[in-house]
Amino acid sequence: MSWLNNVRNALSFVVPRKETPENLWHKCKGCGQMVFLKELEDNLHVCPHCEHHDRIGPVTRFAYTFDAGSYTIIPLPKVPDDPLKFRDTKKYADRIKAARAATSEGDALINARGTIDGHKVVVGVQDFAFMGGSMGLAVGEAFIRGVENAILDDCPYIIFTAAGGARMQEGILSLMQMPRATVAIAMLHDAGLPYIVVLTDPTTGGVTASYAMLGDVQIAEPGALIGFAGQRVIEQTIREKLPEGFQRAEYLLDHGMLDMVTHRKELRATLAKVVDYLSVKRAA
């Protein structure tokens, strides 16, 4: 123990040193500037300097999307955690445990039911913090469970996508979730209900190749990375330099792949209008 600490302990009247939280500031991934965390949270996790949209998890997304106090979480379906007993540098089961401990979520897709501007909806949110939002058995079952609940509630299903693709540790079982999700969307359409997709950063791989691009209305947040294969892989395959902004939301909008790119501050109001419009058309 140092001399200064000895003196501090001996003098009981000395005001104790306060611990300073380490998370008062956030470094923006878009512009690199330091942003006061409280300011960032008040701005819906959008950088006030460059408008970069930070990645957010299900709890925060639900709070931004639903009417206050209106939503309840839909329990995750039970699936085998490690169907192939897979191991690379560590056991897949251990990776799942670590992801659950880090995110406090059961897997990478969480559903909730509630209202947006008074309209009933079921909303699914993929969490990129959970193993890159990767699609395995649990995500596939959760997507189907979300669709089934939307059909039971006679309301639209809205999905916020954020994924690196299929989960390699589950092999062919993860790839099978692509056609299963497509069939679920067909069930939703057979019931006459809207399917709305909001693509967030990043949405790539098998998720893009399936339910992320099958919405009746396709919305994206500004600057979101959206694509199947990576840009470097595409350039090496076609042996050409890709245009600037390729695979970003604005580029996809300009080339007819999206219906709109909407700022996070306007997203809730936009979803309310879309749901209201589609509900009126359906009632008619």
Protein backbone atom coordinates (compact mmCIF):
# COMPACT_ATOMS: atom_id res chain seq x y z
CA MET A 1 0.00 0.00 0.00
CA SER A 2 1.39 3.41 -0.96
CA TRP A 3 2.14 6.25 1.46
CA LEU A 4 -0.73 8.29 -0.01
CA ASN A 5 -3.23 5.49 0.63
CA ASN A 6 -1.96 5.15 4.23
CA VAL A 7 -2.54 8.85 4.80
CA ARG A 8 -5.97 8.72 3.13
CA ASN A 9 -7.06 5.83 5.35
CA ALA A 10 -5.77 7.56 8.48
CA LEU A 11 -7.68 10.75 7.73
CA SER A 12 -11.32 9.67 7.97
CA PHE A 13 -12.61 13.13 7.10
CA VAL A 14 -11.09 13.02 3.61
CA VAL A 15 -13.85 12.81 1.01
CA PRO A 16 -13.69 9.37 -0.63
CA ARG A 17 -12.68 9.30 -4.27
CA LYS A 18 -15.60 8.69 -6.60
CA GLU A 19 -15.27 6.07 -9.29
CA THR A 20 -15.81 7.49 -12.78
CA PRO A 21 -17.84 5.28 -15.12
CA GLU A 22 -15.85 4.11 -18.14
CA ASN A 23 -18.77 4.34 -20.56
CA LEU A 24 -19.50 8.07 -20.55
CA TRP A 25 -18.33 8.42 -24.16
CA HIS A 26 -18.87 6.52 -27.37
CA LYS A 27 -16.61 6.61 -30.43
CA CYS A 28 -18.70 6.84 -33.59
CA LYS A 29 -17.89 4.13 -36.13
CA GLY A 30 -18.92 6.48 -38.91
CA CYS A 31 -16.90 9.64 -38.30
CA GLY A 32 -14.66 8.60 -35.43
CA GLN A 33 -15.74 11.45 -33.17
CA MET A 34 -16.38 10.96 -29.47
CA VAL A 35 -20.05 11.36 -28.54
CA PHE A 36 -21.39 11.75 -25.02
CA LEU A 37 -23.30 8.51 -24.39
CA LYS A 38 -26.36 10.25 -22.97
CA GLU A 39 -26.55 12.46 -26.07
CA LEU A 40 -26.28 9.38 -28.30
CA GLU A 41 -29.08 7.59 -26.43
CA ASP A 42 -31.30 10.66 -26.58
CA ASN A 43 -30.68 10.72 -30.35
CA LEU A 44 -31.87 7.09 -30.76
CA HIS A 45 -28.28 5.83 -31.07
CA VAL A 46 -27.69 7.96 -34.17
CA CYS A 47 -24.49 10.02 -34.29
CA PRO A 48 -25.37 13.74 -34.04
CA HIS A 49 -22.32 14.62 -36.17
CA CYS A 50 -22.54 12.27 -39.16
CA GLU A 51 -25.96 10.55 -38.77
CA HIS A 52 -24.35 7.11 -38.54
CA HIS A 53 -26.95 4.61 -37.28
CA ASP A 54 -25.46 2.45 -34.54
CA ARG A 55 -26.51 -1.17 -34.18
CA ILE A 56 -29.08 -1.71 -31.43
CA GLY A 57 -30.51 -4.82 -29.80
CA PRO A 58 -34.08 -6.12 -29.44
CA VAL A 59 -34.94 -4.39 -26.13
CA THR A 60 -33.94 -0.96 -27.44
CA ARG A 61 -35.56 -1.60 -30.82
CA PHE A 62 -38.85 -2.63 -29.22
CA ALA A 63 -38.83 0.52 -27.08
CA TYR A 64 -38.31 2.67 -30.20
CA THR A 65 -40.98 0.85 -32.23
CA PHE A 66 -43.97 -0.06 -30.05
CA ASP A 67 -46.41 2.22 -28.27
CA ALA A 68 -45.16 2.78 -24.72
CA GLY A 69 -45.91 -0.17 -22.46
CA SER A 70 -47.84 -2.05 -25.14
CA TYR A 71 -45.58 -4.97 -25.98
CA THR A 72 -44.93 -8.41 -24.55
CA ILE A 73 -42.12 -10.78 -25.52
CA ILE A 74 -43.13 -13.99 -27.30
CA PRO A 75 -41.24 -16.95 -25.75
CA LEU A 76 -38.57 -18.56 -27.90
CA PRO A 77 -39.40 -22.03 -29.23
CA LYS A 78 -37.32 -24.90 -27.87
CA VAL A 79 -34.76 -26.35 -30.27
CA PRO A 80 -31.58 -28.43 -29.82
CA ASP A 81 -28.72 -26.12 -28.86
CA ASP A 82 -26.01 -28.15 -30.58
CA PRO A 83 -27.65 -30.60 -33.03
CA LEU A 84 -24.39 -31.59 -34.76
CA LYS A 85 -22.13 -31.59 -31.67
CA PHE A 86 -19.92 -29.17 -33.57
CA ARG A 87 -16.51 -28.02 -32.45
CA ASP A 88 -13.91 -25.76 -34.04
CA THR A 89 -11.44 -23.93 -31.79
CA LYS A 90 -14.06 -24.32 -29.04
CA LYS A 91 -17.33 -26.15 -28.58
CA TYR A 92 -20.38 -24.65 -30.29
CA ALA A 93 -22.33 -25.20 -27.06
CA ASP A 94 -19.79 -22.97 -25.28
CA ARG A 95 -20.17 -20.28 -27.93
CA ILE A 96 -23.94 -20.32 -27.42
CA LYS A 97 -23.50 -19.98 -23.65
CA ALA A 98 -21.10 -17.06 -24.11
CA ALA A 99 -23.49 -15.28 -26.50
CA ARG A 100 -26.38 -15.73 -24.08
CA ALA A 101 -24.32 -14.38 -21.21
CA ALA A 102 -23.19 -11.36 -23.25
CA THR A 103 -26.63 -10.41 -24.63
CA SER A 104 -29.05 -11.81 -22.02
CA GLU A 105 -31.04 -13.22 -24.95
CA GLY A 106 -31.90 -16.83 -25.82
CA ASP A 107 -30.80 -16.52 -29.45
CA ALA A 108 -30.41 -14.08 -32.33
CA LEU A 109 -34.11 -13.42 -33.12
CA ILE A 110 -36.60 -12.16 -30.55
CA ASN A 111 -40.32 -11.58 -31.23
CA ALA A 112 -42.82 -9.39 -29.42
CA ARG A 113 -46.48 -8.48 -29.88
CA GLY A 114 -47.88 -5.04 -29.25
CA THR A 115 -49.20 -1.96 -30.99
CA ILE A 116 -47.80 0.79 -33.20
CA ASP A 117 -49.99 3.89 -33.11
CA GLY A 118 -52.81 1.65 -31.90
CA HIS A 119 -52.44 -0.97 -34.64
CA LYS A 120 -51.72 -4.55 -33.58
CA VAL A 121 -48.43 -5.94 -34.89
CA VAL A 122 -45.94 -8.71 -34.22
CA VAL A 123 -42.34 -7.54 -34.49
CA GLY A 124 -39.20 -9.66 -34.79
CA VAL A 125 -35.73 -8.22 -34.17
CA GLN A 126 -32.44 -9.88 -35.05
CA ASP A 127 -29.57 -9.11 -32.70
CA PHE A 128 -26.21 -8.87 -34.47
CA ALA A 129 -24.50 -8.99 -31.07
CA PHE A 130 -25.65 -12.63 -30.75
CA MET A 131 -23.16 -14.52 -32.92
CA GLY A 132 -23.52 -12.00 -35.73
CA GLY A 133 -27.29 -12.46 -35.88
CA SER A 134 -26.61 -15.75 -37.65
CA MET A 135 -29.50 -17.94 -38.75
CA GLY A 136 -29.73 -21.41 -37.25
CA LEU A 137 -32.51 -23.65 -35.99
CA ALA A 138 -33.47 -21.22 -33.22
CA VAL A 139 -33.73 -18.24 -35.58
CA GLY A 140 -35.73 -20.25 -38.14
CA GLU A 141 -38.16 -21.48 -35.48
CA ALA A 142 -38.45 -18.00 -33.99
CA PHE A 143 -39.28 -16.54 -37.41
CA ILE A 144 -41.99 -19.15 -37.94
CA ARG A 145 -43.30 -18.55 -34.41
CA GLY A 146 -43.51 -14.82 -35.17
CA VAL A 147 -45.49 -15.46 -38.37
CA GLU A 148 -47.82 -17.89 -36.58
CA ASN A 149 -48.52 -15.34 -33.85
CA ALA A 150 -49.21 -12.65 -36.45
CA ILE A 151 -51.74 -14.98 -38.09
CA LEU A 152 -53.36 -15.72 -34.71
CA ASP A 153 -53.53 -11.99 -33.92
CA ASP A 154 -54.71 -11.17 -37.46
CA CYS A 155 -52.03 -8.50 -37.86
CA PRO A 156 -48.88 -7.72 -39.87
CA TYR A 157 -45.50 -9.26 -39.15
CA ILE A 158 -42.58 -6.82 -39.13
CA ILE A 159 -39.01 -8.10 -39.11
CA PHE A 160 -35.88 -6.03 -38.39
CA THR A 161 -33.03 -7.93 -40.01
CA ALA A 162 -29.36 -7.82 -38.95
CA ALA A 163 -27.30 -10.88 -39.80
CA GLY A 164 -24.06 -12.23 -41.16
CA GLY A 165 -25.88 -15.15 -42.78
CA ALA A 166 -26.43 -18.81 -41.93
CA ARG A 167 -24.83 -20.31 -38.80
CA MET A 168 -22.01 -22.56 -40.02
CA GLN A 169 -21.97 -24.63 -36.81
CA GLU A 170 -25.36 -26.09 -37.77
CA GLY A 171 -24.47 -26.96 -41.36
CA ILE A 172 -27.36 -27.99 -43.62
CA LEU A 173 -29.83 -27.46 -40.76
CA SER A 174 -29.13 -23.73 -40.87
CA LEU A 175 -29.56 -23.60 -44.65
CA MET A 176 -32.92 -25.37 -44.35
CA GLN A 177 -34.25 -22.34 -42.50
CA MET A 178 -34.25 -20.37 -45.76
CA PRO A 179 -37.03 -22.39 -47.49
CA ARG A 180 -38.87 -22.83 -44.16
CA ALA A 181 -39.01 -19.05 -43.72
CA THR A 182 -40.21 -18.65 -47.30
CA VAL A 183 -43.07 -21.11 -46.66
CA ALA A 184 -43.99 -19.19 -43.49
CA ILE A 185 -44.23 -15.95 -45.49
CA ALA A 186 -46.53 -17.73 -47.97
CA MET A 187 -48.73 -18.75 -45.01
CA LEU A 188 -48.89 -15.09 -43.94
CA HIS A 189 -49.91 -14.05 -47.46
CA ASP A 190 -52.53 -16.82 -47.62
CA ALA A 191 -54.03 -15.26 -44.49
CA GLY A 192 -54.13 -11.90 -46.27
CA LEU A 193 -51.66 -10.28 -43.86
CA PRO A 194 -48.78 -7.90 -44.68
CA TYR A 195 -45.13 -8.81 -44.27
CA ILE A 196 -42.89 -5.77 -43.71
CA VAL A 197 -39.09 -5.90 -43.69
CA VAL A 198 -36.78 -3.29 -42.16
CA LEU A 199 -33.17 -3.99 -43.15
CA THR A 200 -30.56 -2.72 -40.70
CA ASP A 201 -26.78 -2.80 -40.72
CA PRO A 202 -25.63 -5.38 -41.68
CA THR A 203 -27.98 -7.77 -43.47
CA THR A 204 -26.01 -10.31 -45.49
CA GLY A 205 -25.70 -13.95 -46.56
CA GLY A 206 -28.54 -16.45 -46.37
CA VAL A 207 -30.83 -14.05 -44.53
CA THR A 208 -30.65 -11.65 -47.48
CA ALA A 209 -31.21 -14.59 -49.83
CA SER A 210 -34.44 -15.52 -48.05
CA TYR A 211 -36.83 -13.62 -45.79
CA ALA A 212 -34.95 -10.29 -45.79
CA MET A 213 -35.82 -9.59 -49.43
CA LEU A 214 -39.36 -11.01 -49.55
CA GLY A 215 -41.26 -8.18 -47.88
CA ASP A 216 -44.41 -6.62 -49.25
CA VAL A 217 -42.73 -3.37 -48.23
CA GLN A 218 -38.92 -3.12 -48.07
CA ILE A 219 -37.50 -0.41 -45.80
CA ALA A 220 -33.89 0.16 -44.76
CA GLU A 221 -32.04 2.39 -42.33
CA PRO A 222 -29.54 4.86 -43.86
CA GLY A 223 -26.13 3.44 -44.67
CA ALA A 224 -27.10 -0.16 -43.92
CA LEU A 225 -24.89 -2.80 -45.55
CA ILE A 226 -27.16 -5.16 -47.51
CA GLY A 227 -25.98 -7.98 -49.74
CA PHE A 228 -25.35 -11.68 -50.21
CA ALA A 229 -21.65 -12.18 -50.93
CA GLY A 230 -18.99 -9.78 -49.74
CA GLN A 231 -17.78 -6.98 -51.99
CA ARG A 232 -14.25 -8.39 -52.26
CA VAL A 233 -15.59 -11.81 -53.30
CA ILE A 234 -17.76 -10.21 -55.99
CA GLU A 235 -14.87 -8.12 -57.33
CA GLN A 236 -12.62 -11.19 -57.50
CA THR A 237 -15.34 -13.16 -59.29
CA ILE A 238 -16.30 -10.61 -61.94
CA ARG A 239 -12.80 -9.02 -62.05
CA GLU A 240 -14.18 -5.51 -61.98
CA LYS A 241 -14.14 -2.68 -59.47
CA LEU A 242 -17.56 -2.17 -57.93
CA PRO A 243 -19.10 1.31 -57.80
CA GLU A 244 -18.82 3.47 -54.70
CA GLY A 245 -21.57 2.80 -52.17
CA PHE A 246 -22.30 -0.63 -53.62
CA GLN A 247 -24.43 -2.78 -51.26
CA ARG A 248 -25.41 0.22 -49.15
CA ALA A 249 -29.09 1.05 -48.59
CA GLU A 250 -29.06 4.18 -50.76
CA TYR A 251 -27.52 2.30 -53.71
CA LEU A 252 -30.15 -0.44 -53.44
CA LEU A 253 -32.91 2.17 -53.30
CA ASP A 254 -31.61 3.83 -56.47
CA HIS A 255 -31.57 0.45 -58.24
CA GLY A 256 -35.09 -0.65 -57.28
CA MET A 257 -34.28 -3.14 -54.53
CA LEU A 258 -35.90 -1.11 -51.73
CA ASP A 259 -39.06 0.93 -51.37
CA MET A 260 -37.59 3.52 -49.02
CA VAL A 261 -34.64 4.44 -46.82
CA THR A 262 -35.90 5.90 -43.57
CA HIS A 263 -34.07 7.66 -40.75
CA ARG A 264 -34.49 6.00 -37.36
CA LYS A 265 -36.23 9.11 -36.01
CA GLU A 266 -38.92 8.72 -38.66
CA LEU A 267 -39.10 4.93 -38.73
CA ARG A 268 -41.84 4.43 -36.15
CA ALA A 269 -44.11 6.99 -37.83
CA THR A 270 -43.39 5.43 -41.23
CA LEU A 271 -44.26 1.94 -39.99
CA ALA A 272 -47.47 3.28 -38.45
CA LYS A 273 -48.48 4.80 -41.81
CA VAL A 274 -47.63 1.64 -43.75
CA VAL A 275 -49.53 -0.60 -41.32
CA ASP A 276 -52.48 1.80 -41.29
CA TYR A 277 -52.58 1.92 -45.10
CA LEU A 278 -52.34 -1.83 -45.54
CA SER A 279 -54.94 -2.43 -42.82
CA VAL A 280 -57.38 -0.05 -44.51
CA LYS A 281 -56.84 -1.74 -47.88
CA ARG A 282 -57.33 -5.16 -46.31
CA ALA A 283 -60.53 -4.07 -44.52
CA ALA A 284 -61.87 -2.71 -47.80
